[in-house]
Protein backbone atom coordinates (compact mmCIF):
# COMPACT_ATOMS: atom_id res chain seq x y z
CA UNK A 1 4.37 0.93 -6.93
CA UNK A 2 2.65 -0.49 -10.00
CA UNK A 3 -1.01 0.47 -10.32
CA UNK A 4 -3.89 -1.80 -11.25
CA UNK A 5 -5.60 -0.12 -14.20
CA UNK A 6 -9.37 -0.62 -14.31
CA UNK A 7 -11.30 0.14 -17.49
CA UNK A 8 -15.01 -0.32 -16.94
CA UNK A 9 -16.29 3.16 -17.77
CA UNK A 10 -16.70 4.92 -21.11
CA UNK A 11 -16.88 8.41 -19.62
CA UNK A 12 -15.17 10.67 -17.07
CA UNK A 13 -15.09 9.31 -13.53
CA UNK A 14 -17.07 11.28 -10.93
CA UNK A 15 -16.57 9.27 -7.72
CA UNK A 16 -14.52 6.42 -6.27
CA UNK A 17 -15.67 4.98 -2.94
CA UNK A 18 -14.42 2.14 -0.74
CA UNK A 19 -16.72 0.30 1.62
CA UNK A 20 -15.91 0.42 5.35
CA UNK A 21 -13.89 -2.82 5.23
CA UNK A 22 -11.89 -1.66 2.21
CA UNK A 23 -12.35 -4.89 0.24
CA UNK A 24 -14.86 -3.46 -2.27
CA UNK A 25 -14.59 -0.43 -4.53
CA UNK A 26 -17.51 1.47 -6.10
CA UNK A 27 -16.92 3.79 -9.07
CA UNK A 28 -19.29 6.05 -11.02
CA UNK A 29 -19.05 8.10 -14.22
CA UNK A 30 -20.83 10.74 -16.25
CA UNK A 31 -22.24 8.12 -18.65
CA UNK A 32 -24.49 6.70 -15.97
CA UNK A 33 -22.65 3.50 -15.07
CA UNK A 34 -21.76 2.36 -11.53
CA UNK A 35 -19.19 -0.45 -11.26
CA UNK A 36 -18.27 -2.67 -8.32
CA UNK A 37 -14.75 -4.12 -8.03
CA UNK A 38 -12.61 -6.14 -5.65
CA UNK A 39 -10.11 -3.56 -4.38
CA UNK A 40 -7.33 -6.11 -3.87
CA UNK A 41 -6.87 -7.33 -7.47
CA UNK A 42 -9.25 -5.09 -9.45
CA UNK A 43 -11.58 -7.89 -10.54
CA UNK A 44 -14.93 -6.50 -11.60
CA UNK A 45 -17.89 -7.96 -9.70
CA UNK A 46 -20.69 -6.26 -11.59
CA UNK A 47 -22.46 -3.15 -12.84
CA UNK A 48 -25.45 -1.30 -11.40
CA UNK A 49 -28.05 -0.25 -13.98
CA UNK A 50 -31.65 0.89 -13.67
CA UNK A 51 -34.41 0.38 -16.20
CA UNK A 52 -34.69 3.97 -17.44
CA UNK A 53 -32.38 5.98 -19.70
CA UNK A 54 -28.93 6.51 -18.24
CA UNK A 55 -27.83 9.88 -16.86
CA UNK A 56 -24.65 11.13 -15.25
CA UNK A 57 -24.07 9.61 -11.81
CA UNK A 58 -22.34 12.29 -9.74
CA UNK A 59 -21.77 10.54 -6.39
CA UNK A 60 -22.21 7.23 -4.60
CA UNK A 61 -22.30 6.35 -0.90
CA UNK A 62 -22.20 2.96 0.83
CA UNK A 63 -23.61 2.10 4.24
CA UNK A 64 -21.64 0.59 7.14
CA UNK A 65 -22.68 -3.00 6.47
CA UNK A 66 -22.18 -2.65 2.70
CA UNK A 67 -25.60 -4.06 1.85
CA UNK A 68 -27.02 -0.74 0.61
CA UNK A 69 -25.60 1.78 -1.83
CA UNK A 70 -27.04 5.20 -2.70
CA UNK A 71 -26.41 7.06 -5.95
CA UNK A 72 -26.94 10.67 -7.06
CA UNK A 73 -28.01 11.06 -10.66
CA UNK A 74 -28.63 13.98 -13.00
CA UNK A 75 -31.98 12.51 -14.14
CA UNK A 76 -33.56 14.15 -11.07
CA UNK A 77 -33.42 11.05 -8.90
CA UNK A 78 -31.46 9.47 -6.09
CA UNK A 79 -31.55 5.69 -5.88
CA UNK A 80 -30.94 3.18 -3.11
CA UNK A 81 -29.57 -0.16 -4.35
CA UNK A 82 -29.24 -3.64 -2.94
CA UNK A 83 -25.48 -4.24 -3.24
CA UNK A 84 -25.78 -8.03 -3.44
CA UNK A 85 -28.45 -8.25 -6.15
CA UNK A 86 -27.83 -4.94 -7.94
CA UNK A 87 -31.54 -4.07 -7.85
CA UNK A 88 -33.03 -0.63 -7.15
CA UNK A 89 -34.89 -0.66 -3.82
CA UNK A 90 -36.01 2.98 -3.75
CA UNK A 91 -36.10 5.76 -6.33
CA UNK A 92 -36.35 9.21 -4.76
CA UNK A 93 -37.52 11.78 -7.29
CA UNK A 94 -36.45 15.43 -6.96
CA UNK A 95 -37.16 18.69 -8.78
CA UNK A 96 -33.67 19.04 -10.27
CA UNK A 97 -30.50 17.06 -10.88
CA UNK A 98 -28.98 15.35 -7.82
CA UNK A 99 -25.40 16.42 -7.07
CA UNK A 100 -24.67 14.37 -3.94
CA UNK A 101 -26.18 11.71 -1.71
CA UNK A 102 -25.22 10.62 1.82
CA UNK A 103 -26.54 7.75 3.95
CA UNK A 104 -26.91 8.56 7.65
CA UNK A 105 -25.34 6.28 10.23
CA UNK A 106 -27.94 3.61 10.97
CA UNK A 107 -29.38 3.79 7.42
CA UNK A 108 -32.70 5.31 8.52
CA UNK A 109 -32.20 8.58 6.65
CA UNK A 110 -30.56 9.71 3.44
CA UNK A 111 -29.56 13.28 2.52
CA UNK A 112 -30.10 14.17 -1.15
CA UNK A 113 -28.52 17.39 -2.48
CA UNK A 114 -30.14 18.91 -5.57
CA UNK A 115 -28.73 21.49 -7.96
CA UNK A 116 -30.22 25.00 -8.22
CA UNK A 117 -32.78 25.51 -11.01
CA UNK A 118 -34.54 28.68 -12.05
CA UNK A 119 -34.88 30.91 -8.99
CA UNK A 120 -34.58 27.96 -6.61
CA UNK A 121 -31.33 27.40 -4.72
CA UNK A 122 -29.64 24.09 -3.95
CA UNK A 123 -31.64 22.07 -1.43
CA UNK A 124 -30.71 19.27 0.95
CA UNK A 125 -33.68 16.87 1.00
CA UNK A 126 -33.75 14.37 3.88
CA UNK A 127 -35.74 11.18 3.19
CA UNK A 128 -36.83 8.47 5.61
CA UNK A 129 -35.55 5.20 4.12
CA UNK A 130 -37.98 3.11 6.18
CA UNK A 131 -41.05 5.03 5.02
CA UNK A 132 -42.99 4.30 1.83
CA UNK A 133 -43.49 8.03 1.24
CA UNK A 134 -41.65 9.59 -1.69
CA UNK A 135 -41.75 13.01 -0.03
CA UNK A 136 -38.78 14.24 2.04
CA UNK A 137 -39.33 14.51 5.79
CA UNK A 138 -37.22 17.67 5.88
CA UNK A 139 -35.84 20.23 3.43
CA UNK A 140 -32.86 22.47 4.14
CA UNK A 141 -32.63 25.11 1.36
CA UNK A 142 -29.35 26.86 0.81
CA UNK A 143 -29.34 30.67 0.82
CA UNK A 144 -30.55 32.50 -2.28
CA UNK A 145 -27.76 33.91 -4.44
CA UNK A 146 -25.20 31.45 -3.08
CA UNK A 147 -23.29 29.53 -5.77
CA UNK A 148 -24.07 25.88 -6.35
CA UNK A 149 -23.54 23.50 -3.43
CA UNK A 150 -21.34 20.54 -4.42
CA UNK A 151 -21.42 18.26 -1.37
CA UNK A 152 -23.75 17.58 1.54
CA UNK A 153 -22.50 14.83 3.88
CA UNK A 154 -23.66 13.67 7.31
CA UNK A 155 -21.32 14.59 10.14
CA UNK A 156 -20.62 12.60 13.32
CA UNK A 157 -23.68 11.02 15.02
CA UNK A 158 -26.01 12.45 12.35
CA UNK A 159 -26.27 15.73 14.27
CA UNK A 160 -24.92 17.90 11.46
CA UNK A 161 -24.72 18.04 7.69
CA UNK A 162 -21.61 19.64 6.20
CA UNK A 163 -21.86 21.37 2.82
CA UNK A 164 -19.42 23.09 0.45
CA UNK A 165 -20.09 25.53 -2.38
CA UNK A 166 -18.71 26.80 -5.67
CA UNK A 167 -18.13 30.11 -3.89
CA UNK A 168 -15.54 28.62 -1.55
CA UNK A 169 -17.86 28.32 1.43
CA UNK A 170 -17.85 25.47 3.96
CA UNK A 171 -20.98 25.29 6.13
CA UNK A 172 -22.21 23.18 9.02
CA UNK A 173 -25.99 22.75 9.45
CA UNK A 174 -27.88 21.71 12.57
CA UNK A 175 -30.16 18.96 11.23
CA UNK A 176 -32.79 19.24 13.95
CA UNK A 177 -33.22 23.00 13.54
CA UNK A 178 -32.38 23.20 9.82
CA UNK A 179 -30.10 26.18 10.52
CA UNK A 180 -26.52 27.00 9.58
CA UNK A 181 -24.44 27.09 12.76
CA UNK A 182 -20.90 27.39 11.37
CA UNK A 183 -19.61 28.97 8.17
CA UNK A 184 -16.13 29.37 6.74
CA UNK A 185 -14.89 31.12 3.59
CA UNK A 186 -11.16 30.40 3.63
CA UNK A 187 -10.87 29.40 -0.03
CA UNK A 188 -10.69 31.91 -2.87
CA UNK A 189 -12.05 29.41 -5.38
CA UNK A 190 -14.89 26.91 -5.37
CA UNK A 191 -14.70 23.81 -3.17
CA UNK A 192 -15.36 20.87 -5.47
CA UNK A 193 -15.17 18.12 -2.86
CA UNK A 194 -14.39 17.32 0.75
CA UNK A 195 -13.87 14.05 2.60
CA UNK A 196 -13.76 13.05 6.26
CA UNK A 197 -10.96 11.29 8.05
CA UNK A 198 -11.82 7.73 9.06
CA UNK A 199 -12.84 8.85 12.58
CA UNK A 200 -14.72 11.92 11.21
CA UNK A 201 -12.84 14.20 13.62
CA UNK A 202 -11.29 16.13 10.72
CA UNK A 203 -12.14 16.78 7.08
CA UNK A 204 -10.18 18.00 4.08
CA UNK A 205 -11.45 20.27 1.31
CA UNK A 206 -10.33 20.37 -2.33
CA UNK A 207 -10.54 23.75 -4.03
CA UNK A 208 -10.10 25.35 -7.44
CA UNK A 209 -7.82 27.94 -5.80
CA UNK A 210 -5.04 25.28 -5.99
CA UNK A 211 -5.14 24.32 -2.34
CA UNK A 212 -6.55 21.83 0.13
CA UNK A 213 -7.36 22.66 3.75
CA UNK A 214 -7.67 20.44 6.81
CA UNK A 215 -10.52 21.41 9.18
CA UNK A 216 -11.80 20.38 12.58
CA UNK A 217 -15.20 18.80 11.88
CA UNK A 218 -16.89 20.18 15.01
CA UNK A 219 -15.77 23.81 14.92
CA UNK A 220 -14.80 24.12 11.22
CA UNK A 221 -11.59 25.79 12.35
CA UNK A 222 -8.80 25.37 9.75
CA UNK A 223 -5.86 23.31 11.03
CA UNK A 224 -3.49 23.03 8.07
CA UNK A 225 -3.38 24.22 4.45
CA UNK A 226 -1.64 22.54 1.51
CA UNK A 227 -0.68 24.63 -1.52
CA UNK A 228 -0.32 23.14 -5.00
CA UNK A 229 0.29 24.42 -8.52
CA UNK A 230 -2.96 23.19 -10.07
CA UNK A 231 -6.72 23.27 -9.37
CA UNK A 232 -7.57 20.52 -6.86
CA UNK A 233 -10.64 18.36 -7.50
CA UNK A 234 -10.38 15.83 -4.68
CA UNK A 235 -8.34 15.05 -1.57
CA UNK A 236 -8.14 12.36 1.11
CA UNK A 237 -6.64 11.77 4.57
CA UNK A 238 -4.58 8.65 5.25
CA UNK A 239 -5.94 6.58 8.16
CA UNK A 240 -2.52 5.03 8.77
CA UNK A 241 0.17 7.65 8.08
CA UNK A 242 0.42 11.41 8.63
CA UNK A 243 -0.18 11.94 4.93
CA UNK A 244 -2.82 13.47 2.70
CA UNK A 245 -3.31 12.88 -1.03
CA UNK A 246 -4.86 15.31 -3.47
CA UNK A 247 -5.31 15.49 -7.22
CA UNK A 248 -6.77 17.61 -9.97
CA UNK A 249 -5.12 19.26 -12.94
CA UNK A 250 -5.83 21.59 -15.80
CA UNK A 251 -9.54 21.96 -16.54
CA UNK A 252 -11.10 19.29 -18.74
CA UNK A 253 -11.87 21.55 -21.72
CA UNK A 254 -8.17 22.39 -22.11
CA UNK A 255 -6.85 18.86 -21.81
CA UNK A 256 -6.84 18.13 -25.55
CA UNK A 257 -4.19 20.78 -26.10
CA UNK A 258 -1.97 19.69 -23.22
CA UNK A 259 0.55 16.93 -22.69
CA UNK A 260 0.03 14.74 -19.63
CA UNK A 261 3.10 16.11 -17.91
CA UNK A 262 2.29 19.79 -18.35
CA UNK A 263 -1.40 19.20 -17.52
CA UNK A 264 -0.30 18.29 -13.96
CA UNK A 265 -2.47 15.23 -13.57
CA UNK A 266 -0.42 13.52 -10.83
CA UNK A 267 -1.73 12.55 -7.42
CA UNK A 268 0.20 14.63 -4.88
CA UNK A 269 1.21 13.43 -1.41
CA UNK A 270 1.75 15.94 1.40
CA UNK A 271 2.81 15.52 5.01
CA UNK A 272 -0.27 16.25 7.09
CA UNK A 273 1.63 18.05 9.86
CA UNK A 274 4.46 19.82 8.04
CA UNK A 275 2.41 20.77 4.93
CA UNK A 276 5.30 19.77 2.62
CA UNK A 277 5.00 17.72 -0.57
CA UNK A 278 6.63 14.32 -0.11
CA UNK A 279 5.93 12.74 -3.50
CA UNK A 280 3.59 12.29 -6.43
CA UNK A 281 2.14 9.46 -8.49
CA UNK A 282 1.61 9.96 -12.20
CA UNK A 283 -0.48 7.94 -14.63
CA UNK A 284 -3.70 9.70 -15.62
CA UNK A 285 -3.75 11.65 -18.90
CA UNK A 286 -6.64 13.84 -17.77
CA UNK A 287 -7.59 15.64 -14.55
CA UNK A 288 -8.00 13.52 -11.44
CA UNK A 289 -11.66 13.86 -10.45
CA UNK A 290 -11.86 11.67 -7.36
CA UNK A 291 -9.43 10.15 -4.82
CA UNK A 292 -9.81 7.96 -1.77
CA UNK A 293 -7.54 6.10 0.63
CA UNK A 294 -8.42 2.52 1.44
CA UNK A 295 -9.69 2.43 5.08
CA UNK A 296 -6.72 0.16 5.92
CA UNK A 297 -4.32 2.88 4.68
CA UNK A 298 -2.34 0.46 2.51
CA UNK A 299 -3.61 1.59 -0.89
CA UNK A 300 -5.45 4.41 -2.60
CA UNK A 301 -7.57 4.75 -5.73
CA UNK A 302 -7.93 7.59 -8.21
CA UNK A 303 -10.51 8.15 -10.93
CA UNK A 304 -9.83 10.51 -13.81
CA UNK A 305 -11.39 12.45 -16.65
CA UNK A 306 -9.74 9.87 -18.95
CA UNK A 307 -12.23 7.22 -17.83
CA UNK A 308 -9.67 5.07 -16.02
CA UNK A 309 -9.60 3.93 -12.40
CA UNK A 310 -6.12 3.35 -10.96
CA UNK A 311 -5.70 1.27 -7.79
CA UNK A 312 -2.30 1.81 -6.14
CA UNK A 313 -1.03 -0.60 -3.47
CA UNK A 314 1.82 0.96 -1.52
CA UNK A 315 5.26 -0.63 -1.51
CA UNK A 316 6.77 -1.57 1.90
CA UNK A 317 9.15 1.40 1.58
CA UNK A 318 6.21 3.79 1.76
CA UNK A 319 5.49 2.85 5.38
CA UNK A 320 8.99 3.80 6.46
CA UNK A 321 8.49 7.40 5.34
CA UNK A 322 8.38 9.91 8.17
């Protein structure tokens, strides 16, 4: 399995995201650049830039039809882009840096997660994308004293928003009532990321306690847990095989004193049912910050602290693995 190495960023990667068809790949970095690539051969299509000074882009999300893309930026703004022209359609200003953004199914609403500032906690701001108002139609503040919230993503049918925190909490919020209805604290370290399976029936968390956990999306009951020997920054669920992939590594500030092998920067594959490691893919010389399976299950992409994006197309032998 020879990777396609993509070098379009001059800073650490923060997010890699396929569209629903799996033919396009969006990547973002801490230097403010968002790149669009063909996922098949790695050809770069273009770059998304706005007119103001650049700031770290922490997350991107793409709608079902792949004509709109939303980005979360640390310059206190979330932006909605026209994918075809690369132009900014809406700029949603917030009171603090934006950590995550999520487009609701149907594209009528967007959830914007802001970082805590001063005495104010993290807040999920819900905007109406069809309205000309720059004010959110709903605000869901996180509890005071709770560590920073890292993700806020729409659940199935837009009925819930799932969030995860630096304190290891995983929470499910009723959007209509604005109340927390389910809460889990199974991780001993912060949850840096979580992703849904393709059908959104399950989700997998990535934690600094060196583990990833598979949950039922509706009840937030843990199903399986996968133990590693390094902090985990991101994880994904294969839509084709009973496999999960996860990656991370030694923290970024210690990388300069560590060789790639001892820094544990490989992408790890585990059997989803048996919880056993079945292989790993090396290549990055810094922590893996983001991972995602292609929706067709025949490739996956990783983005690292080293600024590289690696697209891996699986060999035919991979699909014969049990």
